[in-house]
């Protein structure tokens, strides 16, 4: 018996309306944190080095990047993070899909 892939598991789980609603609610935060991690790594920085640049503790960087974090970062924190690695933040709005 073969083990299901994550993709298969995700497709099956998202068929449940409650799971889909929760997934969609968390998707933006997950994408943001995933991008922060990718950009930091692309810049060749560890969480410790990023913390030093931002004059904070590694635990704060870890919390900021943690997809399971219950706190939402302030926009100014995200801007400082981006600036530290040579980026600026751009926000755009898109229409919601009709349900």
PDB file of N, CA and C in Angstrom:
ATOM      1  N   UNK A   1       0.842  -1.185   0.000  1.00  0.00           N
ATOM      2  CA  UNK A   1       0.000   0.000   0.000  1.00  0.00           C
ATOM      3  C   UNK A   1       0.883   1.242   0.000  1.00  0.00           C
ATOM      4  N   UNK A   2       0.624   2.151  -0.927  1.00  0.00           N
ATOM      5  CA  UNK A   2       1.435   3.357  -1.014  1.00  0.00           C
ATOM      6  C   UNK A   2       0.881   4.435  -0.088  1.00  0.00           C
ATOM      7  N   UNK A   3       1.772   5.218   0.390  1.00  0.00           N
ATOM      8  CA  UNK A   3       1.428   6.311   1.295  1.00  0.00           C
ATOM      9  C   UNK A   3       0.924   7.498   0.475  1.00  0.00           C
ATOM     10  N   UNK A   4      -0.191   8.130   0.889  1.00  0.00           N
ATOM     11  CA  UNK A   4      -0.696   9.268   0.117  1.00  0.00           C
ATOM     12  C   UNK A   4       0.279  10.448   0.186  1.00  0.00           C
ATOM     13  N   UNK A   5       0.326  11.208  -0.878  1.00  0.00           N
ATOM     14  CA  UNK A   5       1.181  12.391  -0.898  1.00  0.00           C
ATOM     15  C   UNK A   5       0.490  13.521  -0.155  1.00  0.00           C
ATOM     16  N   UNK A   6       1.254  14.543   0.185  1.00  0.00           N
ATOM     17  CA  UNK A   6       0.671  15.703   0.844  1.00  0.00           C
ATOM     18  C   UNK A   6      -0.361  16.351  -0.065  1.00  0.00           C
ATOM     19  N   UNK A   7      -0.074  16.408  -1.343  1.00  0.00           N
ATOM     20  CA  UNK A   7      -1.002  16.994  -2.311  1.00  0.00           C
ATOM     21  C   UNK A   7      -2.340  16.257  -2.305  1.00  0.00           C
ATOM     22  N   UNK A   8      -2.277  14.931  -2.270  1.00  0.00           N
ATOM     23  CA  UNK A   8      -3.508  14.132  -2.218  1.00  0.00           C
ATOM     24  C   UNK A   8      -4.276  14.394  -0.922  1.00  0.00           C
ATOM     25  N   UNK A   9      -3.542  14.434   0.182  1.00  0.00           N
ATOM     26  CA  UNK A   9      -4.158  14.698   1.484  1.00  0.00           C
ATOM     27  C   UNK A   9      -4.843  16.064   1.488  1.00  0.00           C
ATOM     28  N   UNK A  10      -4.145  17.066   0.948  1.00  0.00           N
ATOM     29  CA  UNK A  10      -4.684  18.427   0.918  1.00  0.00           C
ATOM     30  C   UNK A  10      -5.958  18.488   0.084  1.00  0.00           C
ATOM     31  N   UNK A  11      -5.949  17.872  -1.088  1.00  0.00           N
ATOM     32  CA  UNK A  11      -7.143  17.863  -1.945  1.00  0.00           C
ATOM     33  C   UNK A  11      -8.334  17.249  -1.226  1.00  0.00           C
ATOM     34  N   UNK A  12      -8.078  16.134  -0.555  1.00  0.00           N
ATOM     35  CA  UNK A  12      -9.154  15.448   0.170  1.00  0.00           C
ATOM     36  C   UNK A  12      -9.654  16.307   1.334  1.00  0.00           C
ATOM     37  N   UNK A  13      -8.734  16.884   2.083  1.00  0.00           N
ATOM     38  CA  UNK A  13      -9.112  17.695   3.243  1.00  0.00           C
ATOM     39  C   UNK A  13      -9.903  18.933   2.828  1.00  0.00           C
ATOM     40  N   UNK A  14      -9.527  19.546   1.713  1.00  0.00           N
ATOM     41  CA  UNK A  14     -10.198  20.785   1.282  1.00  0.00           C
ATOM     42  C   UNK A  14     -11.605  20.546   0.744  1.00  0.00           C
ATOM     43  N   UNK A  15     -11.986  19.304   0.582  1.00  0.00           N
ATOM     44  CA  UNK A  15     -13.365  18.997   0.190  1.00  0.00           C
ATOM     45  C   UNK A  15     -14.323  19.245   1.351  1.00  0.00           C
ATOM     46  N   UNK A  16     -13.798  19.227   2.558  1.00  0.00           N
ATOM     47  CA  UNK A  16     -14.598  19.521   3.746  1.00  0.00           C
ATOM     48  C   UNK A  16     -14.770  21.046   3.836  1.00  0.00           C
ATOM     49  N   UNK A  17     -16.012  21.559   3.827  1.00  0.00           N
ATOM     50  CA  UNK A  17     -16.234  23.016   3.838  1.00  0.00           C
ATOM     51  C   UNK A  17     -15.620  23.722   5.048  1.00  0.00           C
ATOM     52  N   UNK A  18     -15.614  23.076   6.200  1.00  0.00           N
ATOM     53  CA  UNK A  18     -15.028  23.692   7.396  1.00  0.00           C
ATOM     54  C   UNK A  18     -13.514  23.812   7.264  1.00  0.00           C
ATOM     55  N   UNK A  19     -12.891  22.779   6.743  1.00  0.00           N
ATOM     56  CA  UNK A  19     -11.440  22.794   6.533  1.00  0.00           C
ATOM     57  C   UNK A  19     -11.096  23.847   5.486  1.00  0.00           C
ATOM     58  N   UNK A  20     -11.871  23.899   4.407  1.00  0.00           N
ATOM     59  CA  UNK A  20     -11.621  24.882   3.347  1.00  0.00           C
ATOM     60  C   UNK A  20     -11.721  26.311   3.886  1.00  0.00           C
ATOM     61  N   UNK A  21     -12.739  26.591   4.688  1.00  0.00           N
ATOM     62  CA  UNK A  21     -12.925  27.939   5.241  1.00  0.00           C
ATOM     63  C   UNK A  21     -11.740  28.326   6.125  1.00  0.00           C
ATOM     64  N   UNK A  22     -11.300  27.414   6.966  1.00  0.00           N
ATOM     65  CA  UNK A  22     -10.155  27.677   7.847  1.00  0.00           C
ATOM     66  C   UNK A  22      -8.882  27.874   7.024  1.00  0.00           C
ATOM     67  N   UNK A  23      -8.701  27.050   6.006  1.00  0.00           N
ATOM     68  CA  UNK A  23      -7.531  27.151   5.131  1.00  0.00           C
ATOM     69  C   UNK A  23      -7.493  28.518   4.446  1.00  0.00           C
ATOM     70  N   UNK A  24      -8.614  28.933   3.918  1.00  0.00           N
ATOM     71  CA  UNK A  24      -8.672  30.218   3.216  1.00  0.00           C
ATOM     72  C   UNK A  24      -8.436  31.382   4.171  1.00  0.00           C
ATOM     73  N   UNK A  25      -8.892  31.245   5.410  1.00  0.00           N
ATOM     74  CA  UNK A  25      -8.693  32.302   6.397  1.00  0.00           C
ATOM     75  C   UNK A  25      -7.213  32.452   6.763  1.00  0.00           C
ATOM     76  N   UNK A  26      -6.494  31.353   6.795  1.00  0.00           N
ATOM     77  CA  UNK A  26      -5.083  31.366   7.191  1.00  0.00           C
ATOM     78  C   UNK A  26      -4.115  31.506   6.023  1.00  0.00           C
ATOM     79  N   UNK A  27      -4.609  31.403   4.808  1.00  0.00           N
ATOM     80  CA  UNK A  27      -3.741  31.365   3.629  1.00  0.00           C
ATOM     81  C   UNK A  27      -2.850  32.604   3.482  1.00  0.00           C
ATOM     82  N   UNK A  28      -3.387  33.791   3.691  1.00  0.00           N
ATOM     83  CA  UNK A  28      -2.605  35.018   3.518  1.00  0.00           C
ATOM     84  C   UNK A  28      -1.451  35.077   4.517  1.00  0.00           C
ATOM     85  N   UNK A  29      -1.725  34.746   5.777  1.00  0.00           N
ATOM     86  CA  UNK A  29      -0.674  34.760   6.796  1.00  0.00           C
ATOM     87  C   UNK A  29       0.399  33.723   6.467  1.00  0.00           C
ATOM     88  N   UNK A  30      -0.020  32.560   6.015  1.00  0.00           N
ATOM     89  CA  UNK A  30       0.932  31.508   5.648  1.00  0.00           C
ATOM     90  C   UNK A  30       1.823  31.976   4.488  1.00  0.00           C
ATOM     91  N   UNK A  31       1.221  32.559   3.463  1.00  0.00           N
ATOM     92  CA  UNK A  31       1.992  33.024   2.305  1.00  0.00           C
ATOM     93  C   UNK A  31       2.994  34.104   2.711  1.00  0.00           C
ATOM     94  N   UNK A  32       2.557  35.024   3.573  1.00  0.00           N
ATOM     95  CA  UNK A  32       3.446  36.087   4.033  1.00  0.00           C
ATOM     96  C   UNK A  32       4.653  35.501   4.757  1.00  0.00           C
ATOM     97  N   UNK A  33       4.395  34.623   5.697  1.00  0.00           N
ATOM     98  CA  UNK A  33       5.495  34.049   6.482  1.00  0.00           C
ATOM     99  C   UNK A  33       6.422  33.207   5.609  1.00  0.00           C
ATOM    100  N   UNK A  34       5.859  32.471   4.683  1.00  0.00           N
ATOM    101  CA  UNK A  34       6.674  31.667   3.769  1.00  0.00           C
ATOM    102  C   UNK A  34       7.581  32.581   2.930  1.00  0.00           C
ATOM    103  N   UNK A  35       7.060  33.704   2.492  1.00  0.00           N
ATOM    104  CA  UNK A  35       7.855  34.636   1.694  1.00  0.00           C
ATOM    105  C   UNK A  35       8.938  35.310   2.542  1.00  0.00           C
ATOM    106  N   UNK A  36       8.627  35.657   3.790  1.00  0.00           N
ATOM    107  CA  UNK A  36       9.637  36.251   4.663  1.00  0.00           C
ATOM    108  C   UNK A  36      10.813  35.301   4.842  1.00  0.00           C
ATOM    109  N   UNK A  37      10.515  34.040   5.084  1.00  0.00           N
ATOM    110  CA  UNK A  37      11.567  33.041   5.266  1.00  0.00           C
ATOM    111  C   UNK A  37      12.403  32.908   3.996  1.00  0.00           C
ATOM    112  N   UNK A  38      11.741  32.827   2.852  1.00  0.00           N
ATOM    113  CA  UNK A  38      12.459  32.669   1.580  1.00  0.00           C
ATOM    114  C   UNK A  38      13.371  33.860   1.308  1.00  0.00           C
ATOM    115  N   UNK A  39      12.874  35.063   1.559  1.00  0.00           N
ATOM    116  CA  UNK A  39      13.684  36.258   1.305  1.00  0.00           C
ATOM    117  C   UNK A  39      14.878  36.344   2.256  1.00  0.00           C
ATOM    118  N   UNK A  40      14.661  35.988   3.524  1.00  0.00           N
ATOM    119  CA  UNK A  40      15.766  35.999   4.487  1.00  0.00           C
ATOM    120  C   UNK A  40      16.837  34.997   4.075  1.00  0.00           C
ATOM    121  N   UNK A  41      16.412  33.813   3.691  1.00  0.00           N
ATOM    122  CA  UNK A  41      17.374  32.783   3.277  1.00  0.00           C
ATOM    123  C   UNK A  41      18.088  33.188   1.992  1.00  0.00           C
ATOM    124  N   UNK A  42      17.340  33.803   1.075  1.00  0.00           N
ATOM    125  CA  UNK A  42      17.947  34.285  -0.177  1.00  0.00           C
ATOM    126  C   UNK A  42      19.024  35.326   0.118  1.00  0.00           C
ATOM    127  N   UNK A  43      18.803  36.117   1.169  1.00  0.00           N
ATOM    128  CA  UNK A  43      19.789  37.126   1.572  1.00  0.00           C
ATOM    129  C   UNK A  43      20.960  36.499   2.321  1.00  0.00           C
ATOM    130  N   UNK A  44      20.866  35.194   2.588  1.00  0.00           N
ATOM    131  CA  UNK A  44      21.948  34.491   3.259  1.00  0.00           C
ATOM    132  C   UNK A  44      22.013  34.755   4.753  1.00  0.00           C
ATOM    133  N   UNK A  45      20.874  35.085   5.351  1.00  0.00           N
ATOM    134  CA  UNK A  45      20.845  35.423   6.772  1.00  0.00           C
ATOM    135  C   UNK A  45      20.154  34.341   7.592  1.00  0.00           C
ATOM    136  N   UNK A  46      20.670  34.121   8.787  1.00  0.00           N
ATOM    137  CA  UNK A  46      20.000  33.254   9.742  1.00  0.00           C
ATOM    138  C   UNK A  46      19.017  34.105  10.539  1.00  0.00           C
ATOM    139  N   UNK A  47      18.177  33.444  11.309  1.00  0.00           N
ATOM    140  CA  UNK A  47      17.267  34.195  12.179  1.00  0.00           C
ATOM    141  C   UNK A  47      18.064  35.031  13.186  1.00  0.00           C
ATOM    142  N   UNK A  48      19.157  34.492  13.676  1.00  0.00           N
ATOM    143  CA  UNK A  48      19.997  35.223  14.628  1.00  0.00           C
ATOM    144  C   UNK A  48      20.557  36.496  13.999  1.00  0.00           C
ATOM    145  N   UNK A  49      21.038  36.374  12.766  1.00  0.00           N
ATOM    146  CA  UNK A  49      21.601  37.537  12.072  1.00  0.00           C
ATOM    147  C   UNK A  49      20.521  38.576  11.776  1.00  0.00           C
ATOM    148  N   UNK A  50      19.341  38.107  11.393  1.00  0.00           N
ATOM    149  CA  UNK A  50      18.237  39.035  11.134  1.00  0.00           C
ATOM    150  C   UNK A  50      17.855  39.770  12.417  1.00  0.00           C
ATOM    151  N   UNK A  51      17.815  39.044  13.517  1.00  0.00           N
ATOM    152  CA  UNK A  51      17.489  39.651  14.810  1.00  0.00           C
ATOM    153  C   UNK A  51      18.505  40.735  15.167  1.00  0.00           C
ATOM    154  N   UNK A  52      19.766  40.454  14.908  1.00  0.00           N
ATOM    155  CA  UNK A  52      20.816  41.434  15.206  1.00  0.00           C
ATOM    156  C   UNK A  52      20.620  42.701  14.368  1.00  0.00           C
ATOM    157  N   UNK A  53      20.337  42.542  13.094  1.00  0.00           N
ATOM    158  CA  UNK A  53      20.121  43.686  12.206  1.00  0.00           C
ATOM    159  C   UNK A  53      18.938  44.531  12.685  1.00  0.00           C
ATOM    160  N   UNK A  54      17.882  43.853  13.140  1.00  0.00           N
ATOM    161  CA  UNK A  54      16.663  44.549  13.563  1.00  0.00           C
ATOM    162  C   UNK A  54      16.666  44.925  15.042  1.00  0.00           C
ATOM    163  N   UNK A  55      17.785  44.679  15.707  1.00  0.00           N
ATOM    164  CA  UNK A  55      17.916  45.011  17.136  1.00  0.00           C
ATOM    165  C   UNK A  55      16.808  44.376  17.964  1.00  0.00           C
ATOM    166  N   UNK A  56      16.649  43.083  17.768  1.00  0.00           N
ATOM    167  CA  UNK A  56      15.642  42.328  18.503  1.00  0.00           C
ATOM    168  C   UNK A  56      16.208  40.963  18.842  1.00  0.00           C
ATOM    169  N   UNK A  57      15.383  40.097  19.371  1.00  0.00           N
ATOM    170  CA  UNK A  57      15.822  38.754  19.741  1.00  0.00           C
ATOM    171  C   UNK A  57      15.427  37.748  18.660  1.00  0.00           C
ATOM    172  N   UNK A  58      16.191  36.659  18.594  1.00  0.00           N
ATOM    173  CA  UNK A  58      15.900  35.595  17.631  1.00  0.00           C
ATOM    174  C   UNK A  58      14.482  35.073  17.826  1.00  0.00           C
ATOM    175  N   UNK A  59      14.025  34.983  19.054  1.00  0.00           N
ATOM    176  CA  UNK A  59      12.674  34.468  19.314  1.00  0.00           C
ATOM    177  C   UNK A  59      11.611  35.320  18.641  1.00  0.00           C
ATOM    178  N   UNK A  60      11.859  36.625  18.512  1.00  0.00           N
ATOM    179  CA  UNK A  60      10.904  37.500  17.818  1.00  0.00           C
ATOM    180  C   UNK A  60      10.874  37.227  16.324  1.00  0.00           C
ATOM    181  N   UNK A  61      12.032  36.946  15.746  1.00  0.00           N
ATOM    182  CA  UNK A  61      12.094  36.602  14.321  1.00  0.00           C
ATOM    183  C   UNK A  61      11.425  35.249  14.106  1.00  0.00           C
ATOM    184  N   UNK A  62      11.699  34.318  14.977  1.00  0.00           N
ATOM    185  CA  UNK A  62      11.091  32.997  14.892  1.00  0.00           C
ATOM    186  C   UNK A  62       9.567  33.092  14.961  1.00  0.00           C
ATOM    187  N   UNK A  63       9.066  33.888  15.880  1.00  0.00           N
ATOM    188  CA  UNK A  63       7.614  34.074  16.019  1.00  0.00           C
ATOM    189  C   UNK A  63       7.029  34.734  14.777  1.00  0.00           C
ATOM    190  N   UNK A  64       7.732  35.713  14.236  1.00  0.00           N
ATOM    191  CA  UNK A  64       7.273  36.406  13.031  1.00  0.00           C
ATOM    192  C   UNK A  64       7.155  35.446  11.856  1.00  0.00           C
ATOM    193  N   UNK A  65       8.108  34.519  11.740  1.00  0.00           N
ATOM    194  CA  UNK A  65       8.137  33.589  10.615  1.00  0.00           C
ATOM    195  C   UNK A  65       7.318  32.321  10.849  1.00  0.00           C
ATOM    196  N   UNK A  66       6.846  32.102  12.047  1.00  0.00           N
ATOM    197  CA  UNK A  66       6.146  30.868  12.394  1.00  0.00           C
ATOM    198  C   UNK A  66       4.715  30.881  11.868  1.00  0.00           C
ATOM    199  N   UNK A  67       4.391  29.924  11.004  1.00  0.00           N
ATOM    200  CA  UNK A  67       3.050  29.859  10.415  1.00  0.00           C
ATOM    201  C   UNK A  67       1.985  29.520  11.444  1.00  0.00           C
ATOM    202  N   UNK A  68       2.391  28.990  12.590  1.00  0.00           N
ATOM    203  CA  UNK A  68       1.433  28.649  13.634  1.00  0.00           C
ATOM    204  C   UNK A  68       1.256  29.756  14.663  1.00  0.00           C
ATOM    205  N   UNK A  69       1.933  30.882  14.462  1.00  0.00           N
ATOM    206  CA  UNK A  69       1.833  31.990  15.402  1.00  0.00           C
ATOM    207  C   UNK A  69       0.412  32.534  15.429  1.00  0.00           C
ATOM    208  N   UNK A  70      -0.060  32.821  16.614  1.00  0.00           N
ATOM    209  CA  UNK A  70      -1.422  33.349  16.779  1.00  0.00           C
ATOM    210  C   UNK A  70      -1.454  34.874  16.689  1.00  0.00           C
ATOM    211  N   UNK A  71      -0.283  35.509  16.651  1.00  0.00           N
ATOM    212  CA  UNK A  71      -0.240  36.959  16.587  1.00  0.00           C
ATOM    213  C   UNK A  71       0.046  37.420  15.157  1.00  0.00           C
ATOM    214  N   UNK A  72      -0.555  38.508  14.790  1.00  0.00           N
ATOM    215  CA  UNK A  72      -0.318  39.100  13.475  1.00  0.00           C
ATOM    216  C   UNK A  72       0.726  40.202  13.615  1.00  0.00           C
ATOM    217  N   UNK A  73       1.742  40.180  12.768  1.00  0.00           N
ATOM    218  CA  UNK A  73       2.768  41.219  12.857  1.00  0.00           C
ATOM    219  C   UNK A  73       2.220  42.576  12.416  1.00  0.00           C
ATOM    220  N   UNK A  74       2.775  43.623  13.011  1.00  0.00           N
ATOM    221  CA  UNK A  74       2.406  44.972  12.600  1.00  0.00           C
ATOM    222  C   UNK A  74       3.027  45.255  11.234  1.00  0.00           C
ATOM    223  N   UNK A  75       2.383  46.094  10.475  1.00  0.00           N
ATOM    224  CA  UNK A  75       2.897  46.463   9.155  1.00  0.00           C
ATOM    225  C   UNK A  75       4.296  47.049   9.275  1.00  0.00           C
ATOM    226  N   UNK A  76       4.540  47.863  10.290  1.00  0.00           N
ATOM    227  CA  UNK A  76       5.868  48.471  10.461  1.00  0.00           C
ATOM    228  C   UNK A  76       6.941  47.402  10.690  1.00  0.00           C
ATOM    229  N   UNK A  77       6.595  46.328  11.358  1.00  0.00           N
ATOM    230  CA  UNK A  77       7.540  45.227  11.574  1.00  0.00           C
ATOM    231  C   UNK A  77       7.885  44.557  10.253  1.00  0.00           C
ATOM    232  N   UNK A  78       6.875  44.326   9.438  1.00  0.00           N
ATOM    233  CA  UNK A  78       7.099  43.707   8.124  1.00  0.00           C
ATOM    234  C   UNK A  78       7.940  44.634   7.250  1.00  0.00           C
ATOM    235  N   UNK A  79       7.666  45.927   7.317  1.00  0.00           N
ATOM    236  CA  UNK A  79       8.449  46.901   6.542  1.00  0.00           C
ATOM    237  C   UNK A  79       9.906  46.909   6.991  1.00  0.00           C
ATOM    238  N   UNK A  80      10.153  46.883   8.294  1.00  0.00           N
ATOM    239  CA  UNK A  80      11.530  46.858   8.808  1.00  0.00           C
ATOM    240  C   UNK A  80      12.252  45.590   8.363  1.00  0.00           C
ATOM    241  N   UNK A  81      11.557  44.471   8.420  1.00  0.00           N
ATOM    242  CA  UNK A  81      12.114  43.186   8.003  1.00  0.00           C
ATOM    243  C   UNK A  81      12.507  43.261   6.523  1.00  0.00           C
ATOM    244  N   UNK A  82      11.586  43.742   5.701  1.00  0.00           N
ATOM    245  CA  UNK A  82      11.843  43.840   4.263  1.00  0.00           C
ATOM    246  C   UNK A  82      13.026  44.765   3.966  1.00  0.00           C
ATOM    247  N   UNK A  83      13.058  45.907   4.631  1.00  0.00           N
ATOM    248  CA  UNK A  83      14.140  46.879   4.407  1.00  0.00           C
ATOM    249  C   UNK A  83      15.493  46.280   4.775  1.00  0.00           C
ATOM    250  N   UNK A  84      15.525  45.472   5.833  1.00  0.00           N
ATOM    251  CA  UNK A  84      16.776  44.865   6.281  1.00  0.00           C
ATOM    252  C   UNK A  84      17.380  43.935   5.241  1.00  0.00           C
ATOM    253  N   UNK A  85      16.553  43.404   4.342  1.00  0.00           N
ATOM    254  CA  UNK A  85      17.061  42.491   3.314  1.00  0.00           C
ATOM    255  C   UNK A  85      16.970  43.096   1.907  1.00  0.00           C
ATOM    256  N   UNK A  86      16.789  44.427   1.869  1.00  0.00           N
ATOM    257  CA  UNK A  86      16.847  45.122   0.591  1.00  0.00           C
ATOM    258  C   UNK A  86      15.547  45.163  -0.194  1.00  0.00           C
ATOM    259  N   UNK A  87      14.432  45.040   0.490  1.00  0.00           N
ATOM    260  CA  UNK A  87      13.126  45.078  -0.170  1.00  0.00           C
ATOM    261  C   UNK A  87      12.251  46.151   0.445  1.00  0.00           C
ATOM    262  N   UNK A  88      11.181  46.476  -0.246  1.00  0.00           N
ATOM    263  CA  UNK A  88      10.140  47.303   0.336  1.00  0.00           C
ATOM    264  C   UNK A  88       8.824  46.552   0.159  1.00  0.00           C
ATOM    265  N   UNK A  89       7.859  46.890   0.979  1.00  0.00           N
ATOM    266  CA  UNK A  89       6.575  46.202   0.966  1.00  0.00           C
ATOM    267  C   UNK A  89       5.639  46.878  -0.019  1.00  0.00           C
ATOM    268  N   UNK A  90       4.944  46.070  -0.789  1.00  0.00           N
ATOM    269  CA  UNK A  90       3.929  46.559  -1.711  1.00  0.00           C
ATOM    270  C   UNK A  90       2.653  45.784  -1.409  1.00  0.00           C
ATOM    271  N   UNK A  91       1.577  46.502  -1.186  1.00  0.00           N
ATOM    272  CA  UNK A  91       0.301  45.860  -0.881  1.00  0.00           C
ATOM    273  C   UNK A  91      -0.650  46.112  -2.037  1.00  0.00           C
ATOM    274  N   UNK A  92      -1.351  45.071  -2.432  1.00  0.00           N
ATOM    275  CA  UNK A  92      -2.357  45.249  -3.495  1.00  0.00           C
ATOM    276  C   UNK A  92      -3.646  44.567  -3.054  1.00  0.00           C
ATOM    277  N   UNK A  93      -4.728  45.015  -3.610  1.00  0.00           N
ATOM    278  CA  UNK A  93      -6.023  44.471  -3.296  1.00  0.00           C
ATOM    279  C   UNK A  93      -6.606  43.850  -4.574  1.00  0.00           C
ATOM    280  N   UNK A  94      -7.256  42.724  -4.406  1.00  0.00           N
ATOM    281  CA  UNK A  94      -7.897  42.044  -5.518  1.00  0.00           C
ATOM    282  C   UNK A  94      -9.333  41.758  -5.144  1.00  0.00           C
ATOM    283  N   UNK A  95     -10.236  41.791  -6.109  1.00  0.00           N
ATOM    284  CA  UNK A  95     -11.630  41.507  -5.799  1.00  0.00           C
ATOM    285  C   UNK A  95     -11.803  40.070  -5.310  1.00  0.00           C
ATOM    286  N   UNK A  96     -12.736  39.895  -4.399  1.00  0.00           N
ATOM    287  CA  UNK A  96     -13.036  38.551  -3.909  1.00  0.00           C
ATOM    288  C   UNK A  96     -13.819  37.800  -4.971  1.00  0.00           C
ATOM    289  N   UNK A  97     -13.558  36.519  -5.031  1.00  0.00           N
ATOM    290  CA  UNK A  97     -14.312  35.680  -5.968  1.00  0.00           C
ATOM    291  C   UNK A  97     -15.743  35.554  -5.455  1.00  0.00           C
ATOM    292  N   UNK A  98     -16.686  35.537  -6.372  1.00  0.00           N
ATOM    293  CA  UNK A  98     -18.091  35.373  -5.992  1.00  0.00           C
ATOM    294  C   UNK A  98     -18.283  33.979  -5.416  1.00  0.00           C
ATOM    295  N   UNK A  99     -19.092  33.900  -4.362  1.00  0.00           N
ATOM    296  CA  UNK A  99     -19.350  32.588  -3.755  1.00  0.00           C
ATOM    297  C   UNK A  99     -20.743  32.114  -4.026  1.00  0.00           C
TER     298      UNK A  99
END
